[in-house]
Amino acid sequence: MTDVDPRYPIGKFAAPERFDALLRASFVEQIAAAPAALRTAVKGLSAQQLDTPYRDGGWTVRQVVHHLPDSHLNAYTRFKLALTEDEPLIKTYEEGRWAELPEARGGEVAISLALLDALHARWVAAIRPLPAEAFARTFRHPDHGLRSIDWVLALYAWHGRHHVAHVTALRAREGWS
């Protein structure tokens, strides 16, 4: 049995060296599938289970569920800024602090699941008709420098799977069916 770092159950993000239409389509499909995958991952969990950290020192499942639309709303905004402005400087946010806000620590997960459904439907609808050259458009991230729409798609395709894996790995470890 291999030891998997519980922080990165599917491994750390690594951006592809090259992007093409096939890879891009795969990322779009992963983004499209993320809300249903998260919904399935948390289906049937009790309030106590939702309030269980996915690892020692980690967020609770509930916080993970609320984090995904928080994070992906920021990504969607960055995507739209890159499409409509020339190399806009985007703003970061304190995701750890957002996860400690009362609605993230105790709010109903159904609200964030619905938000993620709607957000990803809009995001995918915005991505699919784009011409290939649009994916090279960029924004400037204060910590990561110049980033392309291709990079955003790769990162957030990974990000959704990453957090769903936090929940499914916890369910497996705890024997929650």
Protein backbone atom coordinates (compact mmCIF):
# COMPACT_ATOMS: atom_id res chain seq x y z
CA MET A 1 0.00 0.00 0.00
CA THR A 2 1.32 3.43 -0.89
CA ASP A 3 1.21 6.40 1.41
CA VAL A 4 -0.85 9.19 -0.12
CA ASP A 5 -0.41 12.66 1.30
CA PRO A 6 -3.93 13.47 2.59
CA ARG A 7 -3.43 17.10 1.58
CA TYR A 8 -3.02 16.05 -2.06
CA PRO A 9 -4.96 12.83 -2.61
CA ILE A 10 -4.67 13.15 -6.42
CA GLY A 11 -1.23 14.76 -6.32
CA LYS A 12 -0.18 18.38 -6.51
CA PHE A 13 -1.26 20.53 -9.43
CA ALA A 14 1.10 20.48 -12.37
CA ALA A 15 0.23 22.59 -15.39
CA PRO A 16 0.71 20.90 -18.75
CA GLU A 17 3.63 22.11 -20.83
CA ARG A 18 1.40 22.42 -23.89
CA PHE A 19 -2.30 22.86 -24.39
CA ASP A 20 -4.32 21.63 -27.34
CA ALA A 21 -8.00 21.29 -28.19
CA LEU A 22 -8.26 17.74 -26.86
CA LEU A 23 -6.66 18.56 -23.51
CA ARG A 24 -8.73 21.72 -23.22
CA ALA A 25 -11.92 19.75 -23.88
CA SER A 26 -10.94 17.30 -21.14
CA PHE A 27 -10.52 20.15 -18.67
CA VAL A 28 -13.87 21.64 -19.64
CA GLU A 29 -15.55 18.27 -19.08
CA GLN A 30 -13.88 17.97 -15.66
CA ILE A 31 -15.17 21.43 -14.74
CA ALA A 32 -18.63 20.46 -15.99
CA ALA A 33 -18.58 17.25 -13.92
CA ALA A 34 -17.30 18.77 -10.66
CA PRO A 35 -20.64 19.84 -9.15
CA ALA A 36 -22.21 16.39 -9.60
CA ALA A 37 -19.07 14.70 -8.30
CA LEU A 38 -19.12 16.87 -5.17
CA ARG A 39 -22.84 16.28 -4.68
CA THR A 40 -22.27 12.51 -4.90
CA ALA A 41 -19.30 12.71 -2.52
CA VAL A 42 -21.35 14.35 0.24
CA LYS A 43 -24.65 12.58 -0.39
CA GLY A 44 -26.11 11.08 2.76
CA LEU A 45 -23.54 12.52 5.16
CA SER A 46 -24.86 13.51 8.57
CA ALA A 47 -24.20 16.91 10.14
CA GLN A 48 -21.55 15.27 12.32
CA GLN A 49 -19.85 13.75 9.27
CA LEU A 50 -19.99 17.09 7.42
CA ASP A 51 -18.26 18.67 10.42
CA THR A 52 -15.41 16.13 10.36
CA PRO A 53 -12.03 17.38 9.08
CA TYR A 54 -10.89 15.49 6.00
CA ARG A 55 -7.41 15.26 7.61
CA ASP A 56 -5.71 16.32 10.83
CA GLY A 57 -5.48 20.11 10.75
CA GLY A 58 -7.64 20.32 7.63
CA TRP A 59 -10.99 21.83 6.88
CA THR A 60 -14.20 20.02 7.63
CA VAL A 61 -16.15 18.49 4.77
CA ARG A 62 -18.65 21.33 5.18
CA GLN A 63 -15.87 23.91 4.79
CA VAL A 64 -14.59 22.11 1.69
CA VAL A 65 -18.08 22.20 0.16
CA HIS A 66 -18.37 25.94 0.80
CA HIS A 67 -14.80 26.57 -0.36
CA LEU A 68 -15.37 25.18 -3.85
CA PRO A 69 -17.88 27.79 -5.04
CA ASP A 70 -15.93 30.53 -3.22
CA SER A 71 -12.78 29.57 -5.07
CA HIS A 72 -14.43 28.86 -8.39
CA LEU A 73 -16.33 32.17 -8.32
CA ASN A 74 -12.97 33.88 -8.07
CA ALA A 75 -11.63 31.76 -10.93
CA TYR A 76 -14.69 32.48 -13.08
CA THR A 77 -14.23 36.21 -12.45
CA ARG A 78 -10.55 35.99 -13.40
CA PHE A 79 -11.50 34.08 -16.54
CA LYS A 80 -14.01 36.77 -17.55
CA LEU A 81 -11.53 39.56 -16.77
CA ALA A 82 -8.91 37.90 -18.95
CA LEU A 83 -11.41 37.62 -21.79
CA THR A 84 -12.50 41.25 -21.61
CA GLU A 85 -9.42 43.20 -20.51
CA ASP A 86 -5.76 43.27 -21.51
CA GLU A 87 -3.71 41.50 -18.85
CA PRO A 88 -5.80 42.65 -15.89
CA LEU A 89 -4.22 42.52 -12.45
CA ILE A 90 -6.47 40.30 -10.37
CA LYS A 91 -6.98 40.37 -6.63
CA THR A 92 -6.20 37.44 -4.38
CA TYR A 93 -8.41 36.45 -1.47
CA GLU A 94 -7.76 34.91 1.94
CA GLU A 95 -9.34 31.48 1.39
CA GLY A 96 -8.44 30.30 4.89
CA ARG A 97 -10.25 33.25 6.42
CA TRP A 98 -13.23 32.73 4.14
CA ALA A 99 -13.41 29.12 5.36
CA GLU A 100 -13.63 30.38 8.97
CA LEU A 101 -16.61 32.65 8.36
CA PRO A 102 -19.81 31.48 10.10
CA GLU A 103 -21.61 30.47 6.90
CA ALA A 104 -18.65 28.33 5.83
CA ARG A 105 -18.30 26.67 9.24
CA GLY A 106 -22.00 25.97 9.79
CA GLY A 107 -24.03 26.80 6.69
CA GLU A 108 -26.18 24.34 4.81
CA VAL A 109 -24.17 22.58 2.12
CA ALA A 110 -27.20 22.54 -0.20
CA ILE A 111 -26.74 26.27 -0.78
CA SER A 112 -23.15 25.88 -1.94
CA LEU A 113 -23.98 22.80 -4.00
CA ALA A 114 -26.66 24.79 -5.84
CA LEU A 115 -24.28 27.72 -6.30
CA LEU A 116 -21.61 25.41 -7.71
CA ASP A 117 -24.16 23.86 -10.11
CA ALA A 118 -25.19 27.27 -11.45
CA LEU A 119 -21.67 28.66 -11.55
CA HIS A 120 -20.24 25.72 -13.47
CA ALA A 121 -23.16 25.73 -15.91
CA ARG A 122 -22.41 29.39 -16.69
CA TRP A 123 -18.65 28.81 -16.81
CA VAL A 124 -18.90 25.89 -19.20
CA ALA A 125 -21.39 27.81 -21.37
CA ALA A 126 -18.86 30.64 -21.54
CA ILE A 127 -15.91 28.36 -22.35
CA ARG A 128 -17.32 26.06 -25.03
CA PRO A 129 -17.89 28.59 -27.81
CA LEU A 130 -14.51 30.32 -27.42
CA PRO A 131 -12.14 30.29 -30.37
CA ALA A 132 -8.77 28.61 -29.74
CA GLU A 133 -6.89 31.90 -29.57
CA ALA A 134 -8.98 33.09 -26.62
CA PHE A 135 -7.34 30.49 -24.35
CA ALA A 136 -4.01 32.32 -24.65
CA ARG A 137 -5.50 35.49 -23.11
CA THR A 138 -3.95 36.31 -19.76
CA PHE A 139 -4.31 38.00 -16.41
CA ARG A 140 -1.63 38.97 -13.92
CA HIS A 141 -1.74 37.20 -10.56
CA PRO A 142 0.11 39.00 -7.72
CA ASP A 143 1.72 35.73 -6.55
CA HIS A 144 1.99 33.69 -9.76
CA GLY A 145 2.64 36.30 -12.43
CA LEU A 146 1.12 36.15 -15.89
CA ARG A 147 -1.37 33.27 -16.29
CA SER A 148 -3.43 32.19 -19.27
CA ILE A 149 -7.01 31.03 -19.51
CA ASP A 150 -5.59 27.61 -20.42
CA TRP A 151 -3.78 27.59 -17.06
CA VAL A 152 -6.98 28.57 -15.22
CA LEU A 153 -8.86 25.70 -16.87
CA ALA A 154 -6.16 23.18 -15.98
CA LEU A 155 -5.92 24.42 -12.39
CA TYR A 156 -9.65 24.40 -11.71
CA ALA A 157 -10.24 21.06 -13.41
CA TRP A 158 -7.65 19.72 -10.95
CA HIS A 159 -9.03 21.79 -8.04
CA GLY A 160 -12.52 20.29 -8.24
CA ARG A 161 -11.18 16.74 -8.40
CA HIS A 162 -8.71 17.53 -5.60
CA HIS A 163 -11.39 18.57 -3.13
CA VAL A 164 -13.84 15.84 -4.13
CA ALA A 165 -11.00 13.39 -3.42
CA HIS A 166 -10.62 14.91 0.07
CA VAL A 167 -14.21 13.93 0.79
CA THR A 168 -14.14 10.52 -0.89
CA ALA A 169 -10.84 9.58 0.79
CA LEU A 170 -12.30 10.51 4.19
CA ARG A 171 -15.42 8.46 3.46
CA ALA A 172 -13.25 5.48 2.53
CA ARG A 173 -11.03 5.82 5.63
CA GLU A 174 -14.04 6.13 7.93
CA GLY A 175 -16.07 3.42 6.20
CA TRP A 176 -18.93 5.83 5.49
CA SER A 177 -20.93 4.29 2.67
